Amino acid sequence: MNHLPLLLKREYWEHRGGFLWTPVWITAAILIITAMGIVSAEMFSTKTQVHIGFSLDELRGSISAEDIAQAANGLDMAQLAITGIAGIGLFFVTFFYLLGALYDDRRDRSVLFWKSLPISDTATVVSKALAALLLMPVIMLVVATLAYLVFLVLISLWAAVHGVNPMPAVLASHPLGMFLRFVAALPAQMLWALPAVGWLLFWSAFARSKPFLWAVLLPIVAIAANWWLGKIGGVHLTGDLNLGTILGRLLFSIFPGSWLGANGVAVGATRISLNLNDDHVVGSLDPTRIYGLLTTADLWIGVIGGLALLAGAIWLRGRRVETSV
C-alpha cells in the first residue's frame, strides 16, 4: 500500500483527459453560454424594456435587504447548478473508467509489465477505486468552483455596467461555504458509491471481452426476469429487496448525490430532510443532515457488498491476464 500515491498519479496521468479536461470543457461550455446570454440580453435590451418595462438600470434605487438575500441565494443555486452539471459528466467518465480499469491493460497486454513490478494486486485495485471515489470528485469540485468564480465575475460586471452594485449580493453568498459543504459530503458519497465501484471493477477484472455487456446487460436481464416471475406469480424479490433498486444501486450509486431524493435523502424507508427550496441553499447542505445517511442500514449493507466485490476483483486480478480480443 506504500505505492498508493504513485499509483494514483499513474491513474491521473493515464486518464487526464477524463479526470481533468472533461469537467474543464463542461464548465467552459456553461461559461460560454452565460456570456452569450449576457451579450444577447444587451443586444435586445431596448426591445425587452419596451415590452416588459424592466431594465437593470431601474433596479438601482429600489434594492432592499430582502432583494440582496434573494440574489445571494440565487448565486448559491447557480453554484449548485454548475457543480451538478459537472457531476453529470463525472458520472459518465467514472462509469467507463471503472469498466476499463482492469480490462484495458489485459487487452493490450500491459498487465504483464505491471505485474513484473513489486506492486500488489490489492494496491492496484484499491488505487483504481480511490481514483474513482476520491480523486475524480475532488478535481471536479475544484474545477466547478473555479468556474463558478468566473461566472460570478461575469454576472458582477454585467450588473456594474448598468450601475447596480453587485458586491452586497456577492458578499452575502457563500462560494467557499458551498465548496466546503460539497467536500464534507464526499465521505458519505464515497461510502454510498462503493457498491457501484466494486461492481464495475469486478466485471472489468472478470470479462474476457465486452465488460459493458456483463456489467449492464446482466442486470437488465435479471430485472426483466424478476418482473416476469412476479407477473406469473413466481418467487421474486419485492419491497426493500426489489431487484431493480438493488441493481440500480450497483450501477448508478456513483452518480454524485444519487442518495438525494426530491425533498430529502431517500434511503430505504428513511427520509432525511434536505430541502433545496430553503431561503438559504447553504443551510440545506448542512453536514448534520447529510450525515444522517450514516445511520441507515442500506448504506452499510451496500458498503459490505461493495467491499466483497472489490475483494473479488482483487482475486480475479491475480488470476486473469488474458482477454479474447
Protein backbone atom coordinates (compact mmCIF):
# COMPACT_ATOMS: atom_id res chain seq x y z
CA MET A 1 0.00 0.00 0.00
CA ASN A 2 3.06 2.30 0.18
CA HIS A 3 2.78 2.65 -3.59
CA LEU A 4 -0.74 4.14 -3.49
CA PRO A 5 0.31 7.80 -4.06
CA LEU A 6 2.37 6.78 -7.11
CA LEU A 7 -0.42 4.57 -8.41
CA LEU A 8 -2.92 7.42 -8.07
CA LYS A 9 -0.55 9.69 -10.01
CA ARG A 10 -0.36 6.99 -12.68
CA GLU A 11 -4.15 6.86 -12.92
CA TYR A 12 -4.31 10.63 -13.25
CA TRP A 13 -1.66 10.90 -15.97
CA GLU A 14 -3.06 7.97 -17.94
CA HIS A 15 -6.63 9.33 -17.79
CA ARG A 16 -6.07 13.08 -17.53
CA GLY A 17 -8.45 13.70 -20.42
CA GLY A 18 -11.35 12.29 -18.42
CA PHE A 19 -10.24 13.28 -14.93
CA LEU A 20 -9.40 16.93 -15.67
CA TRP A 21 -10.42 18.03 -19.14
CA THR A 22 -13.98 16.69 -19.06
CA PRO A 23 -15.05 18.96 -16.16
CA VAL A 24 -12.98 21.81 -17.66
CA TRP A 25 -14.78 21.60 -21.01
CA ILE A 26 -18.21 21.16 -19.40
CA THR A 27 -17.82 24.20 -17.16
CA ALA A 28 -16.25 26.19 -20.02
CA ALA A 29 -19.36 25.48 -22.08
CA ILE A 30 -21.53 26.79 -19.22
CA LEU A 31 -19.48 29.99 -19.06
CA ILE A 32 -19.63 30.47 -22.83
CA ILE A 33 -23.42 30.04 -22.78
CA THR A 34 -23.62 32.52 -19.90
CA ALA A 35 -21.53 35.07 -21.81
CA MET A 36 -23.67 34.55 -24.91
CA GLY A 37 -26.78 35.10 -22.82
CA ILE A 38 -25.41 38.37 -21.45
CA VAL A 39 -24.45 39.60 -24.92
CA SER A 40 -27.87 38.62 -26.28
CA ALA A 41 -29.59 40.42 -23.41
CA GLU A 42 -27.61 43.55 -24.16
CA MET A 43 -28.34 43.36 -27.88
CA PHE A 44 -32.08 43.05 -27.26
CA SER A 45 -32.23 45.24 -24.15
CA THR A 46 -34.13 48.03 -25.88
CA LYS A 47 -36.80 45.64 -27.14
CA THR A 48 -37.02 44.00 -23.71
CA GLN A 49 -37.51 47.29 -21.91
CA VAL A 50 -40.26 48.31 -24.33
CA HIS A 51 -42.24 45.11 -23.97
CA ILE A 52 -41.89 44.35 -20.29
CA GLY A 53 -40.93 47.75 -18.92
CA PHE A 54 -37.95 46.43 -16.98
CA SER A 55 -34.21 47.04 -17.00
CA LEU A 56 -31.30 46.68 -14.63
CA ASP A 57 -30.95 50.46 -14.59
CA GLU A 58 -34.34 50.73 -12.88
CA LEU A 59 -33.18 48.47 -10.05
CA ARG A 60 -30.52 50.83 -8.74
CA GLY A 61 -32.75 52.79 -6.45
CA SER A 62 -35.08 50.03 -5.32
CA ILE A 63 -32.88 47.25 -3.92
CA SER A 64 -33.85 46.16 -0.40
CA ALA A 65 -32.10 43.87 2.08
CA GLU A 66 -34.56 41.13 1.15
CA ASP A 67 -33.66 41.54 -2.52
CA ILE A 68 -29.98 41.18 -1.66
CA ALA A 69 -30.66 38.00 0.34
CA GLN A 70 -32.66 36.52 -2.54
CA ALA A 71 -29.93 37.44 -5.02
CA ALA A 72 -27.31 35.79 -2.80
CA ASN A 73 -29.43 32.65 -2.57
CA GLY A 74 -29.76 32.71 -6.36
CA LEU A 75 -25.98 32.83 -6.66
CA ASP A 76 -25.70 29.83 -4.32
CA MET A 77 -28.20 28.00 -6.51
CA ALA A 78 -26.09 28.87 -9.55
CA GLN A 79 -23.04 27.34 -7.87
CA LEU A 80 -25.06 24.23 -7.07
CA ALA A 81 -26.26 24.02 -10.69
CA ILE A 82 -22.76 24.38 -12.16
CA THR A 83 -21.43 21.71 -9.81
CA GLY A 84 -24.39 19.45 -10.59
CA ILE A 85 -23.90 19.70 -14.36
CA ALA A 86 -20.20 18.92 -13.92
CA GLY A 87 -21.29 15.97 -11.76
CA ILE A 88 -23.30 14.53 -14.67
CA GLY A 89 -20.12 14.46 -16.74
CA LEU A 90 -18.28 12.94 -13.78
CA PHE A 91 -20.76 10.05 -13.68
CA PHE A 92 -20.13 9.04 -17.30
CA VAL A 93 -16.36 9.41 -17.01
CA THR A 94 -16.29 7.37 -13.79
CA PHE A 95 -18.57 4.67 -15.19
CA PHE A 96 -16.47 3.97 -18.28
CA TYR A 97 -13.18 4.46 -16.44
CA LEU A 98 -14.09 1.71 -13.98
CA LEU A 99 -15.29 -0.62 -16.74
CA GLY A 100 -11.92 -0.37 -18.45
CA ALA A 101 -9.73 -0.05 -15.37
CA LEU A 102 -8.83 -3.76 -15.08
CA TYR A 103 -9.76 -4.79 -18.62
CA ASP A 104 -7.80 -2.44 -20.87
CA ASP A 105 -4.35 -3.43 -19.62
CA ARG A 106 -5.24 -7.09 -20.14
CA ARG A 107 -6.41 -6.31 -23.66
CA ASP A 108 -3.17 -4.53 -24.63
CA ARG A 109 -1.06 -6.96 -22.53
CA SER A 110 0.50 -4.16 -20.49
CA VAL A 111 -0.75 -6.06 -17.43
CA LEU A 112 2.34 -8.27 -17.81
CA PHE A 113 4.57 -5.22 -17.34
CA TRP A 114 2.67 -4.01 -14.29
CA LYS A 115 2.73 -7.49 -12.75
CA SER A 116 6.52 -7.55 -13.14
CA LEU A 117 6.76 -4.60 -10.74
CA PRO A 118 6.74 -5.03 -6.94
CA ILE A 119 3.15 -3.80 -6.71
CA SER A 120 0.42 -6.00 -5.24
CA ASP A 121 -2.87 -6.68 -6.95
CA THR A 122 -4.59 -5.24 -3.88
CA ALA A 123 -2.76 -1.92 -4.23
CA THR A 124 -3.58 -1.77 -7.94
CA VAL A 125 -7.32 -2.35 -7.45
CA VAL A 126 -7.54 -0.05 -4.42
CA SER A 127 -5.78 2.75 -6.34
CA LYS A 128 -8.33 2.49 -9.14
CA ALA A 129 -11.20 2.51 -6.64
CA LEU A 130 -9.76 5.57 -4.87
CA ALA A 131 -9.25 7.33 -8.20
CA ALA A 132 -12.99 6.96 -8.86
CA LEU A 133 -14.19 7.58 -5.31
CA LEU A 134 -11.91 10.45 -4.28
CA LEU A 135 -9.53 11.81 -6.91
CA MET A 136 -12.05 12.44 -9.69
CA PRO A 137 -14.72 14.06 -7.45
CA VAL A 138 -12.15 16.37 -5.84
CA ILE A 139 -10.87 17.52 -9.24
CA MET A 140 -14.44 18.07 -10.41
CA LEU A 141 -15.31 20.12 -7.33
CA VAL A 142 -12.23 22.33 -7.69
CA VAL A 143 -12.87 22.92 -11.41
CA ALA A 144 -16.58 23.62 -10.86
CA THR A 145 -15.84 26.06 -8.04
CA LEU A 146 -13.27 27.94 -10.13
CA ALA A 147 -15.79 28.08 -12.99
CA TYR A 148 -18.40 29.48 -10.61
CA LEU A 149 -15.99 32.25 -9.57
CA VAL A 150 -15.59 33.18 -13.25
CA PHE A 151 -19.40 33.09 -13.56
CA LEU A 152 -19.58 35.42 -10.57
CA VAL A 153 -17.21 37.87 -12.27
CA LEU A 154 -19.29 37.84 -15.47
CA ILE A 155 -22.55 38.49 -13.64
CA SER A 156 -20.95 41.18 -11.47
CA LEU A 157 -19.52 43.02 -14.48
CA TRP A 158 -22.90 42.90 -16.21
CA ALA A 159 -24.61 44.35 -13.16
CA ALA A 160 -21.91 47.01 -12.71
CA VAL A 161 -22.25 48.14 -16.32
CA HIS A 162 -25.87 49.01 -15.52
CA GLY A 163 -24.93 50.87 -12.35
CA VAL A 164 -26.04 48.10 -9.99
CA ASN A 165 -23.56 47.37 -7.20
CA PRO A 166 -23.15 43.55 -7.17
CA MET A 167 -20.97 43.41 -4.06
CA PRO A 168 -23.73 43.19 -1.40
CA ALA A 169 -25.19 40.10 -3.07
CA VAL A 170 -21.75 38.61 -3.78
CA LEU A 171 -20.63 39.12 -0.17
CA ALA A 172 -23.90 37.65 1.11
CA SER A 173 -23.45 34.49 -0.99
CA HIS A 174 -21.39 31.51 0.18
CA PRO A 175 -18.97 30.26 -2.52
CA LEU A 176 -16.42 28.97 -0.01
CA GLY A 177 -19.13 27.64 2.29
CA MET A 178 -20.79 25.75 -0.56
CA PHE A 179 -17.44 24.29 -1.63
CA LEU A 180 -16.68 23.14 1.92
CA ARG A 181 -20.15 21.57 2.21
CA PHE A 182 -19.55 19.66 -1.01
CA VAL A 183 -16.20 18.46 0.33
CA ALA A 184 -17.79 17.49 3.66
CA ALA A 185 -20.31 15.33 1.77
CA LEU A 186 -17.55 13.40 -0.04
CA PRO A 187 -17.02 10.68 2.63
CA ALA A 188 -20.75 9.87 2.63
CA GLN A 189 -20.79 9.84 -1.18
CA MET A 190 -17.74 7.55 -1.23
CA LEU A 191 -19.43 5.02 1.04
CA TRP A 192 -22.68 5.20 -0.92
CA ALA A 193 -20.88 4.70 -4.25
CA LEU A 194 -18.84 1.71 -3.07
CA PRO A 195 -21.25 -0.95 -4.44
CA ALA A 196 -21.12 0.50 -7.97
CA VAL A 197 -17.33 0.87 -7.84
CA GLY A 198 -16.95 -2.73 -6.70
CA TRP A 199 -19.48 -3.99 -9.27
CA LEU A 200 -17.84 -2.28 -12.24
CA LEU A 201 -14.30 -3.22 -11.19
CA PHE A 202 -15.38 -6.83 -10.66
CA TRP A 203 -16.68 -7.16 -14.21
CA SER A 204 -13.70 -5.23 -15.54
CA ALA A 205 -11.47 -7.89 -13.98
CA PHE A 206 -13.75 -10.81 -14.91
CA ALA A 207 -14.75 -10.17 -18.52
CA ARG A 208 -12.67 -11.67 -21.32
CA SER A 209 -14.44 -9.28 -23.69
CA LYS A 210 -17.12 -6.57 -23.63
CA PRO A 211 -17.22 -5.76 -19.89
CA PHE A 212 -20.02 -3.25 -20.57
CA LEU A 213 -22.41 -6.05 -21.55
CA TRP A 214 -21.55 -8.05 -18.45
CA ALA A 215 -21.99 -5.09 -16.11
CA VAL A 216 -25.11 -3.60 -17.71
CA LEU A 217 -26.92 -6.28 -19.73
CA LEU A 218 -26.82 -8.83 -16.90
CA PRO A 219 -28.73 -6.52 -14.50
CA ILE A 220 -31.27 -5.68 -17.21
CA VAL A 221 -31.90 -9.38 -17.85
CA ALA A 222 -32.17 -10.02 -14.10
CA ILE A 223 -34.68 -7.18 -13.65
CA ALA A 224 -36.75 -8.42 -16.59
CA ALA A 225 -36.71 -11.99 -15.23
CA ASN A 226 -37.72 -10.79 -11.76
CA TRP A 227 -40.59 -8.75 -13.25
CA TRP A 228 -41.75 -11.74 -15.31
CA LEU A 229 -41.67 -14.05 -12.28
CA GLY A 230 -43.80 -11.53 -10.41
CA LYS A 231 -46.33 -11.41 -13.22
CA ILE A 232 -46.76 -15.18 -13.31
CA GLY A 233 -46.93 -15.47 -9.52
CA GLY A 234 -43.49 -17.00 -9.09
CA VAL A 235 -40.91 -16.32 -6.39
CA HIS A 236 -39.40 -12.88 -6.92
CA LEU A 237 -37.85 -10.00 -4.99
CA THR A 238 -40.16 -7.19 -3.81
CA GLY A 239 -40.24 -4.32 -1.32
CA ASP A 240 -36.87 -3.31 0.14
CA LEU A 241 -35.36 -6.27 -1.74
CA ASN A 242 -36.71 -5.07 -5.08
CA LEU A 243 -34.19 -6.24 -7.65
CA GLY A 244 -34.47 -3.03 -9.64
CA THR A 245 -33.48 -1.00 -6.57
CA ILE A 246 -30.55 -3.27 -5.77
CA LEU A 247 -29.18 -3.35 -9.29
CA GLY A 248 -29.84 0.37 -9.70
CA ARG A 249 -27.58 0.89 -6.69
CA LEU A 250 -24.91 -1.30 -8.31
CA LEU A 251 -24.94 0.78 -11.50
CA PHE A 252 -25.88 4.33 -10.53
CA SER A 253 -24.68 4.98 -6.98
CA ILE A 254 -21.53 6.59 -8.43
CA PHE A 255 -23.74 9.45 -9.63
CA PRO A 256 -22.92 12.42 -7.34
CA GLY A 257 -25.72 12.90 -4.83
CA SER A 258 -27.59 9.82 -6.06
CA TRP A 259 -28.75 9.27 -2.49
CA LEU A 260 -30.72 12.53 -2.56
CA GLY A 261 -34.47 12.32 -3.07
CA ALA A 262 -36.72 15.12 -4.30
CA ASN A 263 -37.27 16.52 -0.79
CA GLY A 264 -34.66 14.66 1.18
CA VAL A 265 -32.28 11.77 1.32
CA ALA A 266 -34.15 8.71 0.15
CA VAL A 267 -32.57 5.65 1.72
CA GLY A 268 -34.90 2.72 2.09
CA ALA A 269 -37.69 3.66 4.46
CA THR A 270 -35.67 6.54 5.92
CA ARG A 271 -36.03 10.09 4.66
CA ILE A 272 -33.62 12.72 5.88
CA SER A 273 -34.71 16.31 5.32
CA LEU A 274 -32.71 18.15 2.69
CA ASN A 275 -34.93 20.85 1.28
CA LEU A 276 -33.26 22.76 -1.55
CA ASN A 277 -36.16 25.23 -1.59
CA ASP A 278 -34.96 26.82 1.65
CA ASP A 279 -34.21 30.53 1.68
CA HIS A 280 -30.56 29.63 2.15
CA VAL A 281 -29.20 26.85 -0.03
CA VAL A 282 -26.04 26.58 2.05
CA GLY A 283 -28.21 25.71 5.07
CA SER A 284 -29.83 22.90 3.11
CA LEU A 285 -26.40 21.30 2.73
CA ASP A 286 -25.79 21.16 6.47
CA PRO A 287 -23.46 18.20 7.17
CA THR A 288 -25.65 17.13 10.10
CA ARG A 289 -28.45 16.48 7.59
CA ILE A 290 -26.24 14.79 5.04
CA TYR A 291 -24.55 12.54 7.57
CA GLY A 292 -27.88 11.18 8.71
CA LEU A 293 -27.17 8.80 5.83
CA LEU A 294 -24.59 7.09 8.04
CA THR A 295 -27.32 5.89 10.39
CA THR A 296 -29.10 3.84 7.71
CA ALA A 297 -28.75 0.10 7.21
CA ASP A 298 -28.96 0.47 3.42
CA LEU A 299 -25.67 2.36 3.36
CA TRP A 300 -23.74 -0.23 5.36
CA ILE A 301 -25.23 -3.20 3.56
CA GLY A 302 -24.05 -1.57 0.34
CA VAL A 303 -20.60 -0.96 1.82
CA ILE A 304 -20.28 -4.64 2.76
CA GLY A 305 -21.42 -5.68 -0.71
CA GLY A 306 -19.02 -3.22 -2.34
CA LEU A 307 -16.06 -4.48 -0.30
CA ALA A 308 -16.95 -8.08 -1.22
CA LEU A 309 -17.00 -7.14 -4.92
CA LEU A 310 -13.65 -5.35 -4.57
CA ALA A 311 -12.22 -8.47 -2.93
CA GLY A 312 -13.49 -10.47 -5.90
CA ALA A 313 -11.86 -8.00 -8.30
CA ILE A 314 -8.54 -8.33 -6.45
CA TRP A 315 -8.76 -12.13 -6.61
CA LEU A 316 -9.52 -12.05 -10.34
CA ARG A 317 -6.74 -9.54 -10.97
CA GLY A 318 -4.23 -12.07 -9.72
CA ARG A 319 -5.55 -14.85 -11.95
CA ARG A 320 -6.64 -13.29 -15.25
CA VAL A 321 -4.14 -11.75 -17.63
CA GLU A 322 -5.81 -12.56 -20.95
CA THR A 323 -8.80 -11.38 -22.95
CA SER A 324 -10.48 -12.77 -26.03
CA VAL A 325 -9.76 -9.59 -28.02
